[in-house]
Protein backbone atom coordinates (compact mmCIF):
# COMPACT_ATOMS: atom_id res chain seq x y z
CA MET A 1 15.35 -116.94 46.94
CA ARG A 2 13.05 -114.55 48.87
CA HIS A 3 10.92 -117.40 50.00
CA ARG A 4 13.85 -119.43 51.15
CA ALA A 5 15.26 -116.51 53.08
CA ALA A 6 11.90 -115.69 54.72
CA GLN A 7 11.50 -119.33 55.78
CA CYS A 8 14.72 -119.05 57.69
CA ALA A 9 13.86 -115.56 59.02
CA VAL A 10 16.86 -114.06 57.14
CA ILE A 11 16.84 -110.90 55.05
CA LEU A 12 17.81 -111.47 51.45
CA ALA A 13 21.02 -109.65 50.50
CA HIS A 14 20.28 -106.44 48.59
CA ASP A 15 22.44 -107.72 45.67
CA ALA A 16 21.32 -111.35 46.02
CA PHE A 17 22.54 -114.07 43.64
CA LEU A 18 20.05 -116.29 41.95
CA PHE A 19 22.39 -119.33 42.21
CA SER A 20 23.64 -119.44 45.78
CA ASN A 21 23.88 -121.96 48.57
CA HIS A 22 23.85 -119.21 51.18
CA ILE A 23 20.43 -118.48 52.91
CA ASP A 24 20.75 -114.78 52.27
CA SER A 25 22.06 -115.44 48.65
CA SER A 26 25.03 -113.13 49.41
CA ARG A 27 27.61 -115.34 47.47
CA PRO A 28 27.22 -117.11 44.16
CA TRP A 29 28.02 -120.65 43.45
CA HIS A 30 31.66 -121.30 42.61
CA PRO A 31 32.08 -121.44 38.80
CA ASP A 32 33.65 -125.00 39.02
CA SER A 33 30.47 -126.26 40.79
CA ILE A 34 28.39 -125.19 37.70
CA ASN A 35 30.84 -126.80 35.31
CA THR A 36 30.65 -130.00 37.41
CA MET A 37 26.85 -130.07 37.21
CA ILE A 38 26.96 -129.51 33.48
CA GLU A 39 29.44 -132.31 33.07
CA ARG A 40 27.32 -134.70 35.11
CA THR A 41 24.32 -133.84 32.92
CA ARG A 42 26.41 -134.07 29.81
CA ARG A 43 27.84 -137.50 30.72
CA PRO A 44 25.82 -139.26 33.45
CA ASP A 45 27.55 -142.52 32.74
CA LYS A 46 31.28 -142.34 32.28
CA THR A 47 31.27 -145.63 30.42
CA LYS A 48 29.11 -144.23 27.64
CA PRO A 49 29.59 -141.26 25.22
CA PRO A 50 28.37 -137.84 26.29
CA VAL A 51 24.70 -137.16 25.98
CA TYR A 52 25.54 -133.88 24.24
CA THR A 53 28.83 -132.61 23.03
CA PHE A 54 28.87 -128.88 23.90
CA HIS A 55 30.47 -127.24 26.93
CA LEU A 56 29.05 -124.46 28.98
CA HIS A 57 31.46 -121.89 27.56
CA GLN A 58 30.39 -122.82 24.07
CA LEU A 59 26.74 -122.02 25.06
CA ARG A 60 28.04 -118.54 26.11
CA HIS A 61 29.66 -117.98 22.70
CA TYR A 62 26.52 -119.24 20.92
CA SER A 63 24.33 -116.87 22.98
CA ILE A 64 26.49 -113.80 22.33
CA THR A 65 26.80 -114.59 18.59
CA MET A 66 22.96 -114.96 18.24
CA GLN A 67 22.26 -111.76 20.13
CA ILE A 68 24.64 -109.77 18.00
CA GLY A 69 23.40 -111.41 14.82
CA ASP A 70 19.84 -110.54 15.85
CA GLY A 71 20.80 -106.87 16.00
CA TRP A 72 21.18 -106.29 19.73
CA ASP A 73 23.63 -103.50 20.33
CA ALA A 74 27.10 -104.45 21.53
CA THR A 75 26.87 -102.43 24.83
CA ALA A 76 23.69 -104.46 25.92
CA VAL A 77 25.16 -107.81 24.87
CA ALA A 78 28.48 -107.06 26.56
CA SER A 79 26.79 -106.03 29.74
CA ARG A 80 24.49 -109.05 29.79
CA HIS A 81 27.52 -111.34 29.63
CA GLY A 82 29.66 -109.49 31.96
CA ASN A 83 32.03 -107.87 29.42
CA LYS A 84 33.12 -104.42 30.48
CA ASP A 85 34.30 -103.34 27.02
CA PRO A 86 31.62 -103.53 24.17
CA ASN A 87 34.57 -103.10 21.67
CA MET A 88 36.10 -106.42 22.86
CA THR A 89 32.75 -108.05 22.28
CA LEU A 90 32.45 -106.64 18.77
CA ARG A 91 36.02 -107.73 17.93
CA ARG A 92 35.54 -111.24 19.25
CA TYR A 93 32.15 -111.74 17.57
CA ALA A 94 32.56 -109.73 14.40
CA HIS A 95 31.68 -112.75 12.36
CA ALA A 96 28.06 -112.52 13.64
CA LEU A 97 27.89 -109.06 12.06
CA LYS A 98 28.44 -110.31 8.45
CA ALA A 99 24.81 -111.43 7.98
CA ARG A 100 23.60 -108.10 9.37
CA ASP A 101 25.97 -106.24 7.00
CA GLN A 102 24.50 -108.25 4.13
CA LEU A 103 20.89 -107.29 5.21
CA LEU A 104 22.02 -103.58 5.55
CA ALA A 105 23.45 -103.68 2.08
CA GLU A 106 20.25 -105.14 0.66
CA GLN A 107 18.14 -102.60 2.36
CA GLY A 108 20.29 -99.83 1.16
CA GLY A 109 19.88 -101.14 -2.38
CA VAL A 110 16.13 -101.17 -2.07
CA ARG A 111 16.11 -97.58 -0.92
CA LEU A 112 18.39 -96.41 -3.68
CA ARG A 113 16.18 -98.17 -6.30
CA GLU A 114 13.08 -96.37 -4.63
CA LEU A 115 14.86 -92.98 -4.97
CA ALA A 116 15.92 -93.61 -8.57
CA ALA A 117 12.34 -94.76 -9.70
CA PRO A 118 10.45 -92.05 -11.52
CA GLN A 119 7.90 -90.48 -9.20
CA GLN A 120 4.31 -90.57 -10.42
CA ALA A 121 2.28 -87.53 -9.94
CA GLU A 122 -0.94 -87.91 -8.13
CA GLY A 123 -3.86 -88.73 -10.32
CA GLN A 124 -1.67 -89.80 -13.27
CA PRO A 125 -1.64 -93.54 -14.28
């Protein structure tokens, strides 16, 4: 975007958008144009079945689910995806936390077994 603006002797907007048709990148693409591009990629020939069957919004849900499931904190995930309230993100994607909860329980069990195991004094077999 910087290169394009420089070629046109225009200063890039301080809060420039990556996806913009404006030389200074001051305004983003309209969301419908992105959906149209995705749909053209998904179904290049209207007489044939779609090349793939997911929609752009489903990709967003997948991304958020994987990030929460991988242990990223809700505030970072919510911010990355434009959600102002991390609590809303947690409520909507709570199903992704079940695997993390299982891992947490297993790790807690390991720690408890370690604490319960008799401690061997140094030098004793």
